[in-house]
Amino acid sequence: MNKGGKMKRFLSRKTVGALVRGGLLIALLVTLSGFSESQRGDYFLKINKGIDVFGRVYKEITTNYVDEIDPEKFMHAGVDGMLETLDPYTVFIDKDEAEEVDLLTSGKYGGIGVTIGQRDGTMQVISVMDGYSAQRQGILPGDKLLSIDGTPVATKKPDEVRNLTRGEPGTEVKVMVQREGEPEPMQFVLIREEIQLKNVTYADFIADGIGYIRLERFSRKAGDEVRQAIKELKLRGDIRGLVLDLRGNPGGLLDAAVDVTSKFVPRGSAIVSTHGRRPETEKQYASNEEPVLPSVPLVVLADRSSASASEIVAGALQDLDRAVIVGTRTFGKGLVQTILPLSYGAQLKVTTARYYTPSGRSIQEIDYMHKSGDGVFVPTPDSLRKKFSTANGRKVYDHGGVMPDSVVTRDDEGPMVKELLRRSLFFKFATTYAAEHKGEQWSQQPDSALPEFKRFLEEQKFDYQEDSEGKLKELKTIAERSRFNKEIFADLDLLSAALEREKARGFERYKTPIGHELMIELMARAKGEQGRIGASLEGDRQLETAISILKDPKVYTKMLKM
């Protein structure tokens, strides 16, 4: 597994001992097999010395410190200190977090099929998954959660509320909600089911003969879902080009990335290799199946949030000249993690290798074993990045993620839209609007809701700060400090008044992105997650670039040979 990010947790004293005596000691013996006898002796001496000193310090402080010490928290701090000298993906996972690891790898859990989050100070249903108990029984996005099995949730954190909804498939859970437009709370009796998170969340034709697949994660079934999505698209029409969207995909299983890539490259094609300290980390991964789409033109969309397994796919398809990469540079995570079982149900996720694309490049951006003079990790400078070649001889570089063949940034929504999103006002309005317009065909013309949304913002006394306001304040401060004459301040006051007038026109100036975000939320109410994703693709500049490349075979071919 190669997905990072859990907080370091408490490691008991017994667990430390079991950790050293168990799996890690075996791993250490294998690692030391290449050392001479004297080197092994020195290494073991240092380890034993470290364990002895660590244990002695822990014991002396917990028993003799002037104030009483919580032994668990103190050990937790010690483990945190050790792991923080390494990369952020090497983490301790306690028993309570084991389910989350299983979810990342299998994509399955027992639940009711909702996404829960905090909006406007209350716990709400953010989205409802198709086909599960919550949707069948009538739970809607925007429903405010009051209690779960009689337990009030108002003061609980989102993770705690999610845990209340989860459990063994087949068990019953009672959910009390307050719905917009309903005078009394509503109770739903739901049955927990095995929820299978989808890797492919959207697949459709987006232009004449051009298919689109959004891949949001890499759990075990990612390759199967991509294959099935392609099969269903083929049944609906001839695929003359395909867009594989990896934007926002944080990664997952390395094997799943290999499986997905295999759907597009010839059998036997090298996809990725891994290299670490131990012999068993030296692995070569290649496609062992016939591709589903062996020659259909392919564009991969990627961005700064495309990481890990996403970068394996993008890097392999780029190195093999099988796809044109469009978007922005990827995250730059080229480290492989292995999960080692510990005592008492705990686990250790440890970085054991780096992975390399078919050309031999590592896409890892940050060297976590070296810091700058200021004590921070810094990316590898461009001057130290080595040059590699794709199958057609195109130049690519290591240590900086995957650089797109066509760099296309997304449009900046502007400060007003960012503030509306931050305060969840699109979400809040869509919930109210859908409740007040039941049975109406507003979903066919979502722009018709814009006037009501404007009135809603006025009622909310919505305000935001333009970038120019901050700059003007800075300029006035500089003018005061520099003792400029009164004419300058008079001019600045005139400029301030002009900016205020422009700010008053904010709704008109940002009407297009406001309408786009509003349409996304309204389509989520009308057609669920499929409606949300479909609406989000409209006016997508990166996607439009991908479509234009696929529609012009000469451009596509030229980009793979440049």
Foldseek 3Di string as FASTA:
>chain_A
DFFADDDAAFADPVLVVQVCVPDVVVVVVLLCPPPDPVVVVVVVVVVVVVVVVVVVVLVCCCVPPPDHDDSRVVRSVVVNVVPLLFDRRWHKFAQVCVVVLVCLAQVKFWFFAFQWDDAPLFIWTQFGDPPGFCVVQPPFGPWTWQDKQPHGPSPPHRVVVRVSRTDDFQDWMKTWTDAFPDPDIDIDITTIHIDRHDQWPDWDAPDVLEIETEGAEQYPCLLVVVLVSVVVHVVVHHRQEYEYEQELRQYGDLVSLLSNLLQEEAFFAWQKFKDFSGPVRTDTRTRHDGHVHHQRAYEYEYEQNRHDSSLSNVLQCLQQLRYAYEEFFYNQDFWDWDWAATPPNMIIIDTGIGMAGPQGAGSHFWDSNDDDPVRHIDGDDPVPWDWTAGPLGDIDTHRHGGGGLHYDYWDDLFFVVVVCVVNVVLLNVLSNVCSVQPPDPCLVPVLVCLVVSVVVCVVVVDDTDHPVVVVLVVVVVVCVVVVPDPVVVVVSVVVVVVVVVVRVCVCVVSVVVVSLSNSLNNLCRVPNPNRNVVSNPPPGPRVVVVVVCSVDVVNSVVSSND
